Amino acid sequence: MKGIGNLGGLMKQAKKLQEDLERAQVEIADLRIAATAGGGMVTATVTGKGDLVSLALEREVVDPADVEMLCDLVVAAVQEAQRKAQQAAQEKLGPLAQGLGGLPGV
């Protein structure tokens, strides 16, 4: 019967970890992370999951004679915002992943 008590404790621990993970995933999805390129001329904002939600361009960066540069700046801003979002998600989920290490077989 002693093993059943341990199982109950493990189930409680697993349930709490699941709830914490779900809460962290909601918080990550609600995050808005911005990054700039071109000295602030291009700003990209992504969710915590990395989905692009807005893009802002300063008028001065829109040069019809140099569309390639504008494209490069947009890509750079979006990539940096996505990198920051991934880092924020890892920071939020990191402690939860450590908690999984306390469960047998994980």
PDB file of N, CA and C in Angstrom:
ATOM      1  N   MET A   1       0.811  -1.203   0.000  1.00  0.00           N
ATOM      2  CA  MET A   1       0.000   0.000   0.000  1.00  0.00           C
ATOM      3  C   MET A   1       0.855   1.267   0.000  1.00  0.00           C
ATOM      4  N   LYS A   2       2.087   1.123   0.431  1.00  0.00           N
ATOM      5  CA  LYS A   2       2.964   2.283   0.492  1.00  0.00           C
ATOM      6  C   LYS A   2       3.170   2.896  -0.899  1.00  0.00           C
ATOM      7  N   GLY A   3       3.243   2.084  -1.928  1.00  0.00           N
ATOM      8  CA  GLY A   3       3.446   2.559  -3.294  1.00  0.00           C
ATOM      9  C   GLY A   3       2.282   3.381  -3.800  1.00  0.00           C
ATOM     10  N   ILE A   4       1.085   3.141  -3.322  1.00  0.00           N
ATOM     11  CA  ILE A   4      -0.093   3.881  -3.775  1.00  0.00           C
ATOM     12  C   ILE A   4      -0.004   5.337  -3.324  1.00  0.00           C
ATOM     13  N   GLY A   5       0.502   5.564  -2.119  1.00  0.00           N
ATOM     14  CA  GLY A   5       0.677   6.943  -1.636  1.00  0.00           C
ATOM     15  C   GLY A   5       1.641   7.708  -2.510  1.00  0.00           C
ATOM     16  N   ASN A   6       2.723   7.045  -2.906  1.00  0.00           N
ATOM     17  CA  ASN A   6       3.698   7.676  -3.797  1.00  0.00           C
ATOM     18  C   ASN A   6       3.067   7.991  -5.144  1.00  0.00           C
ATOM     19  N   LEU A   7       2.229   7.094  -5.626  1.00  0.00           N
ATOM     20  CA  LEU A   7       1.560   7.306  -6.914  1.00  0.00           C
ATOM     21  C   LEU A   7       0.643   8.521  -6.830  1.00  0.00           C
ATOM     22  N   GLY A   8      -0.069   8.645  -5.706  1.00  0.00           N
ATOM     23  CA  GLY A   8      -0.948   9.810  -5.533  1.00  0.00           C
ATOM     24  C   GLY A   8      -0.166  11.104  -5.539  1.00  0.00           C
ATOM     25  N   GLY A   9       0.983  11.101  -4.889  1.00  0.00           N
ATOM     26  CA  GLY A   9       1.842  12.292  -4.871  1.00  0.00           C
ATOM     27  C   GLY A   9       2.374  12.620  -6.251  1.00  0.00           C
ATOM     28  N   LEU A  10       2.754  11.578  -6.983  1.00  0.00           N
ATOM     29  CA  LEU A  10       3.246  11.779  -8.346  1.00  0.00           C
ATOM     30  C   LEU A  10       2.146  12.329  -9.248  1.00  0.00           C
ATOM     31  N   MET A  11       0.942  11.834  -9.050  1.00  0.00           N
ATOM     32  CA  MET A  11      -0.180  12.319  -9.867  1.00  0.00           C
ATOM     33  C   MET A  11      -0.447  13.799  -9.580  1.00  0.00           C
ATOM     34  N   LYS A  12      -0.386  14.179  -8.297  1.00  0.00           N
ATOM     35  CA  LYS A  12      -0.582  15.586  -7.938  1.00  0.00           C
ATOM     36  C   LYS A  12       0.504  16.449  -8.554  1.00  0.00           C
ATOM     37  N   GLN A  13       1.747  15.963  -8.470  1.00  0.00           N
ATOM     38  CA  GLN A  13       2.874  16.708  -9.025  1.00  0.00           C
ATOM     39  C   GLN A  13       2.726  16.857 -10.544  1.00  0.00           C
ATOM     40  N   ALA A  14       2.339  15.782 -11.212  1.00  0.00           N
ATOM     41  CA  ALA A  14       2.159  15.823 -12.666  1.00  0.00           C
ATOM     42  C   ALA A  14       1.024  16.770 -13.047  1.00  0.00           C
ATOM     43  N   LYS A  15      -0.060  16.755 -12.275  1.00  0.00           N
ATOM     44  CA  LYS A  15      -1.191  17.643 -12.564  1.00  0.00           C
ATOM     45  C   LYS A  15      -0.789  19.101 -12.383  1.00  0.00           C
ATOM     46  N   LYS A  16      -0.038  19.405 -11.324  1.00  0.00           N
ATOM     47  CA  LYS A  16       0.408  20.780 -11.102  1.00  0.00           C
ATOM     48  C   LYS A  16       1.341  21.232 -12.226  1.00  0.00           C
ATOM     49  N   LEU A  17       2.247  20.346 -12.638  1.00  0.00           N
ATOM     50  CA  LEU A  17       3.145  20.688 -13.745  1.00  0.00           C
ATOM     51  C   LEU A  17       2.357  20.961 -15.026  1.00  0.00           C
ATOM     52  N   GLN A  18       1.331  20.156 -15.282  1.00  0.00           N
ATOM     53  CA  GLN A  18       0.508  20.352 -16.468  1.00  0.00           C
ATOM     54  C   GLN A  18      -0.202  21.697 -16.404  1.00  0.00           C
ATOM     55  N   GLU A  19      -0.754  22.039 -15.244  1.00  0.00           N
ATOM     56  CA  GLU A  19      -1.440  23.327 -15.087  1.00  0.00           C
ATOM     57  C   GLU A  19      -0.466  24.484 -15.266  1.00  0.00           C
ATOM     58  N   ASP A  20       0.734  24.357 -14.668  1.00  0.00           N
ATOM     59  CA  ASP A  20       1.750  25.397 -14.805  1.00  0.00           C
ATOM     60  C   ASP A  20       2.178  25.555 -16.261  1.00  0.00           C
ATOM     61  N   LEU A  21       2.309  24.436 -16.959  1.00  0.00           N
ATOM     62  CA  LEU A  21       2.701  24.468 -18.367  1.00  0.00           C
ATOM     63  C   LEU A  21       1.627  25.154 -19.207  1.00  0.00           C
ATOM     64  N   GLU A  22       0.376  24.811 -18.972  1.00  0.00           N
ATOM     65  CA  GLU A  22      -0.724  25.443 -19.719  1.00  0.00           C
ATOM     66  C   GLU A  22      -0.768  26.942 -19.453  1.00  0.00           C
ATOM     67  N   ARG A  23      -0.574  27.339 -18.202  1.00  0.00           N
ATOM     68  CA  ARG A  23      -0.583  28.764 -17.852  1.00  0.00           C
ATOM     69  C   ARG A  23       0.576  29.491 -18.544  1.00  0.00           C
ATOM     70  N   ALA A  24       1.763  28.864 -18.544  1.00  0.00           N
ATOM     71  CA  ALA A  24       2.929  29.458 -19.201  1.00  0.00           C
ATOM     72  C   ALA A  24       2.699  29.594 -20.703  1.00  0.00           C
ATOM     73  N   GLN A  25       2.063  28.605 -21.320  1.00  0.00           N
ATOM     74  CA  GLN A  25       1.794  28.673 -22.758  1.00  0.00           C
ATOM     75  C   GLN A  25       0.854  29.819 -23.093  1.00  0.00           C
ATOM     76  N   VAL A  26      -0.147  30.064 -22.238  1.00  0.00           N
ATOM     77  CA  VAL A  26      -1.065  31.186 -22.448  1.00  0.00           C
ATOM     78  C   VAL A  26      -0.307  32.497 -22.301  1.00  0.00           C
ATOM     79  N   GLU A  27       0.536  32.585 -21.274  1.00  0.00           N
ATOM     80  CA  GLU A  27       1.324  33.802 -21.066  1.00  0.00           C
ATOM     81  C   GLU A  27       2.249  34.064 -22.249  1.00  0.00           C
ATOM     82  N   ILE A  28       2.854  33.015 -22.778  1.00  0.00           N
ATOM     83  CA  ILE A  28       3.743  33.163 -23.936  1.00  0.00           C
ATOM     84  C   ILE A  28       2.959  33.658 -25.149  1.00  0.00           C
ATOM     85  N   ALA A  29       1.801  33.083 -25.376  1.00  0.00           N
ATOM     86  CA  ALA A  29       0.983  33.494 -26.523  1.00  0.00           C
ATOM     87  C   ALA A  29       0.565  34.953 -26.404  1.00  0.00           C
ATOM     88  N   ASP A  30       0.377  35.432 -25.171  1.00  0.00           N
ATOM     89  CA  ASP A  30      -0.051  36.817 -24.949  1.00  0.00           C
ATOM     90  C   ASP A  30       1.101  37.823 -25.024  1.00  0.00           C
ATOM     91  N   LEU A  31       2.340  37.353 -24.990  1.00  0.00           N
ATOM     92  CA  LEU A  31       3.484  38.259 -25.057  1.00  0.00           C
ATOM     93  C   LEU A  31       3.513  38.999 -26.392  1.00  0.00           C
ATOM     94  N   ARG A  32       3.982  40.216 -26.352  1.00  0.00           N
ATOM     95  CA  ARG A  32       4.244  40.996 -27.566  1.00  0.00           C
ATOM     96  C   ARG A  32       5.682  41.481 -27.458  1.00  0.00           C
ATOM     97  N   ILE A  33       6.508  41.094 -28.425  1.00  0.00           N
ATOM     98  CA  ILE A  33       7.927  41.386 -28.390  1.00  0.00           C
ATOM     99  C   ILE A  33       8.301  42.124 -29.664  1.00  0.00           C
ATOM    100  N   ALA A  34       8.948  43.277 -29.486  1.00  0.00           N
ATOM    101  CA  ALA A  34       9.325  44.102 -30.632  1.00  0.00           C
ATOM    102  C   ALA A  34      10.838  44.106 -30.805  1.00  0.00           C
ATOM    103  N   ALA A  35      11.252  44.262 -32.049  1.00  0.00           N
ATOM    104  CA  ALA A  35      12.667  44.422 -32.377  1.00  0.00           C
ATOM    105  C   ALA A  35      12.757  45.384 -33.547  1.00  0.00           C
ATOM    106  N   THR A  36      13.885  46.086 -33.631  1.00  0.00           N
ATOM    107  CA  THR A  36      14.060  47.064 -34.699  1.00  0.00           C
ATOM    108  C   THR A  36      15.271  46.712 -35.550  1.00  0.00           C
ATOM    109  N   ALA A  37      15.312  47.335 -36.716  1.00  0.00           N
ATOM    110  CA  ALA A  37      16.463  47.229 -37.621  1.00  0.00           C
ATOM    111  C   ALA A  37      16.629  48.595 -38.270  1.00  0.00           C
ATOM    112  N   GLY A  38      17.810  48.822 -38.804  1.00  0.00           N
ATOM    113  CA  GLY A  38      18.058  50.083 -39.490  1.00  0.00           C
ATOM    114  C   GLY A  38      18.003  51.277 -38.554  1.00  0.00           C
ATOM    115  N   GLY A  39      18.527  51.092 -37.350  1.00  0.00           N
ATOM    116  CA  GLY A  39      18.534  52.204 -36.401  1.00  0.00           C
ATOM    117  C   GLY A  39      17.137  52.622 -35.976  1.00  0.00           C
ATOM    118  N   GLY A  40      16.223  51.683 -35.930  1.00  0.00           N
ATOM    119  CA  GLY A  40      14.854  51.981 -35.502  1.00  0.00           C
ATOM    120  C   GLY A  40      13.923  52.353 -36.643  1.00  0.00           C
ATOM    121  N   MET A  41      14.398  52.255 -37.865  1.00  0.00           N
ATOM    122  CA  MET A  41      13.573  52.622 -39.017  1.00  0.00           C
ATOM    123  C   MET A  41      12.507  51.568 -39.324  1.00  0.00           C
ATOM    124  N   VAL A  42      12.771  50.319 -38.926  1.00  0.00           N
ATOM    125  CA  VAL A  42      11.823  49.225 -39.122  1.00  0.00           C
ATOM    126  C   VAL A  42      11.609  48.557 -37.766  1.00  0.00           C
ATOM    127  N   THR A  43      10.348  48.395 -37.382  1.00  0.00           N
ATOM    128  CA  THR A  43      10.019  47.723 -36.119  1.00  0.00           C
ATOM    129  C   THR A  43       9.057  46.587 -36.408  1.00  0.00           C
ATOM    130  N   ALA A  44       9.438  45.397 -35.941  1.00  0.00           N
ATOM    131  CA  ALA A  44       8.585  44.216 -36.080  1.00  0.00           C
ATOM    132  C   ALA A  44       8.149  43.794 -34.683  1.00  0.00           C
ATOM    133  N   THR A  45       6.875  43.428 -34.549  1.00  0.00           N
ATOM    134  CA  THR A  45       6.352  42.935 -33.282  1.00  0.00           C
ATOM    135  C   THR A  45       5.766  41.553 -33.517  1.00  0.00           C
ATOM    136  N   VAL A  46       6.168  40.622 -32.657  1.00  0.00           N
ATOM    137  CA  VAL A  46       5.697  39.240 -32.759  1.00  0.00           C
ATOM    138  C   VAL A  46       5.082  38.818 -31.428  1.00  0.00           C
ATOM    139  N   THR A  47       4.299  37.743 -31.481  1.00  0.00           N
ATOM    140  CA  THR A  47       3.784  37.139 -30.255  1.00  0.00           C
ATOM    141  C   THR A  47       4.896  36.313 -29.621  1.00  0.00           C
ATOM    142  N   GLY A  48       4.629  35.818 -28.438  1.00  0.00           N
ATOM    143  CA  GLY A  48       5.590  34.948 -27.779  1.00  0.00           C
ATOM    144  C   GLY A  48       5.838  33.668 -28.552  1.00  0.00           C
ATOM    145  N   LYS A  49       4.924  33.322 -29.434  1.00  0.00           N
ATOM    146  CA  LYS A  49       5.094  32.139 -30.285  1.00  0.00           C
ATOM    147  C   LYS A  49       5.842  32.463 -31.571  1.00  0.00           C
ATOM    148  N   GLY A  50       6.138  33.755 -31.788  1.00  0.00           N
ATOM    149  CA  GLY A  50       6.900  34.156 -32.960  1.00  0.00           C
ATOM    150  C   GLY A  50       6.067  34.594 -34.146  1.00  0.00           C
ATOM    151  N   ASP A  51       4.746  34.678 -33.986  1.00  0.00           N
ATOM    152  CA  ASP A  51       3.884  35.108 -35.085  1.00  0.00           C
ATOM    153  C   ASP A  51       3.949  36.627 -35.238  1.00  0.00           C
ATOM    154  N   LEU A  52       4.195  37.086 -36.435  1.00  0.00           N
ATOM    155  CA  LEU A  52       4.262  38.520 -36.711  1.00  0.00           C
ATOM    156  C   LEU A  52       2.880  39.138 -36.564  1.00  0.00           C
ATOM    157  N   VAL A  53       2.768  40.180 -35.711  1.00  0.00           N
ATOM    158  CA  VAL A  53       1.475  40.830 -35.508  1.00  0.00           C
ATOM    159  C   VAL A  53       1.472  42.278 -35.977  1.00  0.00           C
ATOM    160  N   SER A  54       2.657  42.892 -36.097  1.00  0.00           N
ATOM    161  CA  SER A  54       2.688  44.237 -36.664  1.00  0.00           C
ATOM    162  C   SER A  54       4.076  44.548 -37.209  1.00  0.00           C
ATOM    163  N   LEU A  55       4.073  45.487 -38.148  1.00  0.00           N
ATOM    164  CA  LEU A  55       5.296  45.928 -38.789  1.00  0.00           C
ATOM    165  C   LEU A  55       5.164  47.425 -39.017  1.00  0.00           C
ATOM    166  N   ALA A  56       6.147  48.183 -38.544  1.00  0.00           N
ATOM    167  CA  ALA A  56       6.114  49.636 -38.701  1.00  0.00           C
ATOM    168  C   ALA A  56       7.362  50.092 -39.452  1.00  0.00           C
ATOM    169  N   LEU A  57       7.142  50.968 -40.424  1.00  0.00           N
ATOM    170  CA  LEU A  57       8.241  51.504 -41.228  1.00  0.00           C
ATOM    171  C   LEU A  57       8.238  53.021 -41.124  1.00  0.00           C
ATOM    172  N   GLU A  58       9.404  53.595 -40.904  1.00  0.00           N
ATOM    173  CA  GLU A  58       9.533  55.049 -40.968  1.00  0.00           C
ATOM    174  C   GLU A  58       9.550  55.445 -42.443  1.00  0.00           C
ATOM    175  N   ARG A  59       8.936  56.559 -42.740  1.00  0.00           N
ATOM    176  CA  ARG A  59       8.841  57.003 -44.141  1.00  0.00           C
ATOM    177  C   ARG A  59      10.200  57.075 -44.828  1.00  0.00           C
ATOM    178  N   GLU A  60      11.206  57.506 -44.105  1.00  0.00           N
ATOM    179  CA  GLU A  60      12.533  57.708 -44.701  1.00  0.00           C
ATOM    180  C   GLU A  60      13.147  56.417 -45.240  1.00  0.00           C
ATOM    181  N   VAL A  61      12.725  55.272 -44.696  1.00  0.00           N
ATOM    182  CA  VAL A  61      13.319  54.011 -45.124  1.00  0.00           C
ATOM    183  C   VAL A  61      12.663  53.478 -46.403  1.00  0.00           C
ATOM    184  N   VAL A  62      11.543  54.045 -46.791  1.00  0.00           N
ATOM    185  CA  VAL A  62      10.835  53.593 -47.987  1.00  0.00           C
ATOM    186  C   VAL A  62      11.390  54.363 -49.189  1.00  0.00           C
ATOM    187  N   ASP A  63      12.331  53.731 -49.867  1.00  0.00           N
ATOM    188  CA  ASP A  63      12.989  54.321 -51.031  1.00  0.00           C
ATOM    189  C   ASP A  63      12.727  53.417 -52.229  1.00  0.00           C
ATOM    190  N   PRO A  64      11.884  53.852 -53.170  1.00  0.00           N
ATOM    191  CA  PRO A  64      11.572  53.004 -54.329  1.00  0.00           C
ATOM    192  C   PRO A  64      12.815  52.580 -55.112  1.00  0.00           C
ATOM    193  N   ALA A  65      13.890  53.345 -54.990  1.00  0.00           N
ATOM    194  CA  ALA A  65      15.114  53.000 -55.716  1.00  0.00           C
ATOM    195  C   ALA A  65      15.919  51.925 -54.978  1.00  0.00           C
ATOM    196  N   ASP A  66      15.539  51.611 -53.727  1.00  0.00           N
ATOM    197  CA  ASP A  66      16.298  50.626 -52.956  1.00  0.00           C
ATOM    198  C   ASP A  66      15.360  49.716 -52.160  1.00  0.00           C
ATOM    199  N   VAL A  67      14.490  49.021 -52.868  1.00  0.00           N
ATOM    200  CA  VAL A  67      13.528  48.117 -52.253  1.00  0.00           C
ATOM    201  C   VAL A  67      14.255  46.954 -51.569  1.00  0.00           C
ATOM    202  N   GLU A  68      15.371  46.526 -52.140  1.00  0.00           N
ATOM    203  CA  GLU A  68      16.119  45.414 -51.571  1.00  0.00           C
ATOM    204  C   GLU A  68      16.571  45.713 -50.140  1.00  0.00           C
ATOM    205  N   MET A  69      17.030  46.938 -49.890  1.00  0.00           N
ATOM    206  CA  MET A  69      17.452  47.305 -48.548  1.00  0.00           C
ATOM    207  C   MET A  69      16.272  47.252 -47.581  1.00  0.00           C
ATOM    208  N   LEU A  70      15.124  47.733 -48.009  1.00  0.00           N
ATOM    209  CA  LEU A  70      13.937  47.701 -47.161  1.00  0.00           C
ATOM    210  C   LEU A  70      13.567  46.255 -46.825  1.00  0.00           C
ATOM    211  N   CYS A  71      13.612  45.394 -47.809  1.00  0.00           N
ATOM    212  CA  CYS A  71      13.321  43.973 -47.571  1.00  0.00           C
ATOM    213  C   CYS A  71      14.301  43.383 -46.564  1.00  0.00           C
ATOM    214  N   ASP A  72      15.575  43.692 -46.705  1.00  0.00           N
ATOM    215  CA  ASP A  72      16.589  43.191 -45.773  1.00  0.00           C
ATOM    216  C   ASP A  72      16.315  43.674 -44.352  1.00  0.00           C
ATOM    217  N   LEU A  73      15.924  44.934 -44.206  1.00  0.00           N
ATOM    218  CA  LEU A  73      15.634  45.485 -42.882  1.00  0.00           C
ATOM    219  C   LEU A  73      14.402  44.831 -42.256  1.00  0.00           C
ATOM    220  N   VAL A  74      13.393  44.583 -43.077  1.00  0.00           N
ATOM    221  CA  VAL A  74      12.183  43.920 -42.573  1.00  0.00           C
ATOM    222  C   VAL A  74      12.537  42.509 -42.098  1.00  0.00           C
ATOM    223  N   VAL A  75      13.268  41.779 -42.898  1.00  0.00           N
ATOM    224  CA  VAL A  75      13.662  40.421 -42.520  1.00  0.00           C
ATOM    225  C   VAL A  75      14.484  40.451 -41.235  1.00  0.00           C
ATOM    226  N   ALA A  76      15.426  41.374 -41.129  1.00  0.00           N
ATOM    227  CA  ALA A  76      16.272  41.463 -39.939  1.00  0.00           C
ATOM    228  C   ALA A  76      15.444  41.766 -38.695  1.00  0.00           C
ATOM    229  N   ALA A  77      14.509  42.691 -38.793  1.00  0.00           N
ATOM    230  CA  ALA A  77      13.677  43.050 -37.640  1.00  0.00           C
ATOM    231  C   ALA A  77      12.793  41.878 -37.220  1.00  0.00           C
ATOM    232  N   VAL A  78      12.190  41.203 -38.188  1.00  0.00           N
ATOM    233  CA  VAL A  78      11.322  40.059 -37.872  1.00  0.00           C
ATOM    234  C   VAL A  78      12.137  38.931 -37.248  1.00  0.00           C
ATOM    235  N   GLN A  79      13.278  38.625 -37.808  1.00  0.00           N
ATOM    236  CA  GLN A  79      14.112  37.552 -37.254  1.00  0.00           C
ATOM    237  C   GLN A  79      14.561  37.864 -35.833  1.00  0.00           C
ATOM    238  N   GLU A  80      14.923  39.111 -35.574  1.00  0.00           N
ATOM    239  CA  GLU A  80      15.356  39.481 -34.227  1.00  0.00           C
ATOM    240  C   GLU A  80      14.196  39.401 -33.243  1.00  0.00           C
ATOM    241  N   ALA A  81      13.024  39.831 -33.645  1.00  0.00           N
ATOM    242  CA  ALA A  81      11.853  39.733 -32.776  1.00  0.00           C
ATOM    243  C   ALA A  81      11.529  38.272 -32.487  1.00  0.00           C
ATOM    244  N   GLN A  82      11.614  37.421 -33.496  1.00  0.00           N
ATOM    245  CA  GLN A  82      11.349  36.000 -33.296  1.00  0.00           C
ATOM    246  C   GLN A  82      12.396  35.357 -32.393  1.00  0.00           C
ATOM    247  N   ARG A  83      13.650  35.777 -32.529  1.00  0.00           N
ATOM    248  CA  ARG A  83      14.708  35.255 -31.657  1.00  0.00           C
ATOM    249  C   ARG A  83      14.424  35.654 -30.209  1.00  0.00           C
ATOM    250  N   LYS A  84      14.031  36.904 -30.004  1.00  0.00           N
ATOM    251  CA  LYS A  84      13.705  37.371 -28.659  1.00  0.00           C
ATOM    252  C   LYS A  84      12.494  36.615 -28.098  1.00  0.00           C
ATOM    253  N   ALA A  85      11.516  36.336 -28.931  1.00  0.00           N
ATOM    254  CA  ALA A  85      10.327  35.596 -28.495  1.00  0.00           C
ATOM    255  C   ALA A  85      10.707  34.188 -28.076  1.00  0.00           C
ATOM    256  N   GLN A  86      11.572  33.549 -28.848  1.00  0.00           N
ATOM    257  CA  GLN A  86      12.016  32.195 -28.513  1.00  0.00           C
ATOM    258  C   GLN A  86      12.774  32.200 -27.189  1.00  0.00           C
ATOM    259  N   GLN A  87      13.605  33.192 -26.990  1.00  0.00           N
ATOM    260  CA  GLN A  87      14.360  33.301 -25.745  1.00  0.00           C
ATOM    261  C   GLN A  87      13.408  33.518 -24.563  1.00  0.00           C
ATOM    262  N   ALA A  88      12.413  34.387 -24.729  1.00  0.00           N
ATOM    263  CA  ALA A  88      11.442  34.632 -23.662  1.00  0.00           C
ATOM    264  C   ALA A  88      10.661  33.367 -23.331  1.00  0.00           C
ATOM    265  N   ALA A  89      10.286  32.611 -24.346  1.00  0.00           N
ATOM    266  CA  ALA A  89       9.551  31.362 -24.126  1.00  0.00           C
ATOM    267  C   ALA A  89      10.418  30.355 -23.378  1.00  0.00           C
ATOM    268  N   GLN A  90      11.675  30.254 -23.747  1.00  0.00           N
ATOM    269  CA  GLN A  90      12.576  29.324 -23.067  1.00  0.00           C
ATOM    270  C   GLN A  90      12.760  29.712 -21.603  1.00  0.00           C
ATOM    271  N   GLU A  91      12.852  31.021 -21.341  1.00  0.00           N
ATOM    272  CA  GLU A  91      13.001  31.481 -19.967  1.00  0.00           C
ATOM    273  C   GLU A  91      11.759  31.137 -19.143  1.00  0.00           C
ATOM    274  N   LYS A  92      10.595  31.247 -19.750  1.00  0.00           N
ATOM    275  CA  LYS A  92       9.347  30.967 -19.047  1.00  0.00           C
ATOM    276  C   LYS A  92       9.134  29.463 -18.853  1.00  0.00           C
ATOM    277  N   LEU A  93       9.538  28.678 -19.836  1.00  0.00           N
ATOM    278  CA  LEU A  93       9.322  27.234 -19.772  1.00  0.00           C
ATOM    279  C   LEU A  93      10.467  26.487 -19.086  1.00  0.00           C
ATOM    280  N   GLY A  94      11.623  27.104 -18.979  1.00  0.00           N
ATOM    281  CA  GLY A  94      12.786  26.449 -18.398  1.00  0.00           C
ATOM    282  C   GLY A  94      12.541  25.841 -17.030  1.00  0.00           C
ATOM    283  N   PRO A  95      12.002  26.613 -16.084  1.00  0.00           N
ATOM    284  CA  PRO A  95      11.756  26.039 -14.761  1.00  0.00           C
ATOM    285  C   PRO A  95      10.770  24.868 -14.793  1.00  0.00           C
ATOM    286  N   LEU A  96       9.824  24.911 -15.719  1.00  0.00           N
ATOM    287  CA  LEU A  96       8.864  23.806 -15.823  1.00  0.00           C
ATOM    288  C   LEU A  96       9.549  22.549 -16.337  1.00  0.00           C
ATOM    289  N   ALA A  97      10.466  22.703 -17.268  1.00  0.00           N
ATOM    290  CA  ALA A  97      11.196  21.545 -17.790  1.00  0.00           C
ATOM    291  C   ALA A  97      12.047  20.920 -16.694  1.00  0.00           C
ATOM    292  N   GLN A  98      12.588  21.752 -15.820  1.00  0.00           N
ATOM    293  CA  GLN A  98      13.372  21.224 -14.696  1.00  0.00           C
ATOM    294  C   GLN A  98      12.464  20.426 -13.761  1.00  0.00           C
ATOM    295  N   GLY A  99      11.227  20.875 -13.611  1.00  0.00           N
ATOM    296  CA  GLY A  99      10.271  20.165 -12.764  1.00  0.00           C
ATOM    297  C   GLY A  99       9.950  18.791 -13.301  1.00  0.00           C
ATOM    298  N   LEU A 100       9.999  18.655 -14.616  1.00  0.00           N
ATOM    299  CA  LEU A 100       9.740  17.341 -15.212  1.00  0.00           C
ATOM    300  C   LEU A 100      10.816  16.339 -14.841  1.00  0.00           C
ATOM    301  N   GLY A 101      12.004  16.819 -14.578  1.00  0.00           N
ATOM    302  CA  GLY A 101      13.096  15.931 -14.205  1.00  0.00           C
ATOM    303  C   GLY A 101      12.833  15.207 -12.888  1.00  0.00           C
ATOM    304  N   GLY A 102      11.935  15.743 -12.068  1.00  0.00           N
ATOM    305  CA  GLY A 102      11.609  15.107 -10.795  1.00  0.00           C
ATOM    306  C   GLY A 102      10.617  13.973 -10.927  1.00  0.00           C
ATOM    307  N   LEU A 103      10.058  13.806 -12.116  1.00  0.00           N
ATOM    308  CA  LEU A 103       9.094  12.713 -12.316  1.00  0.00           C
ATOM    309  C   LEU A 103       9.821  11.474 -12.826  1.00  0.00           C
ATOM    310  N   PRO A 104       9.549  10.321 -12.249  1.00  0.00           N
ATOM    311  CA  PRO A 104      10.204   9.091 -12.712  1.00  0.00           C
ATOM    312  C   PRO A 104       9.887   8.809 -14.180  1.00  0.00           C
ATOM    313  N   GLY A 105      10.879   8.388 -14.901  1.00  0.00           N
ATOM    314  CA  GLY A 105      10.668   7.997 -16.290  1.00  0.00           C
ATOM    315  C   GLY A 105      10.639   9.157 -17.259  1.00  0.00           C
ATOM    316  N   VAL A 106      10.900  10.382 -16.771  1.00  0.00           N
ATOM    317  CA  VAL A 106      10.873  11.547 -17.656  1.00  0.00           C
ATOM    318  C   VAL A 106      12.272  12.067 -17.822  1.00  0.00           C
TER     319      VAL A 106
END
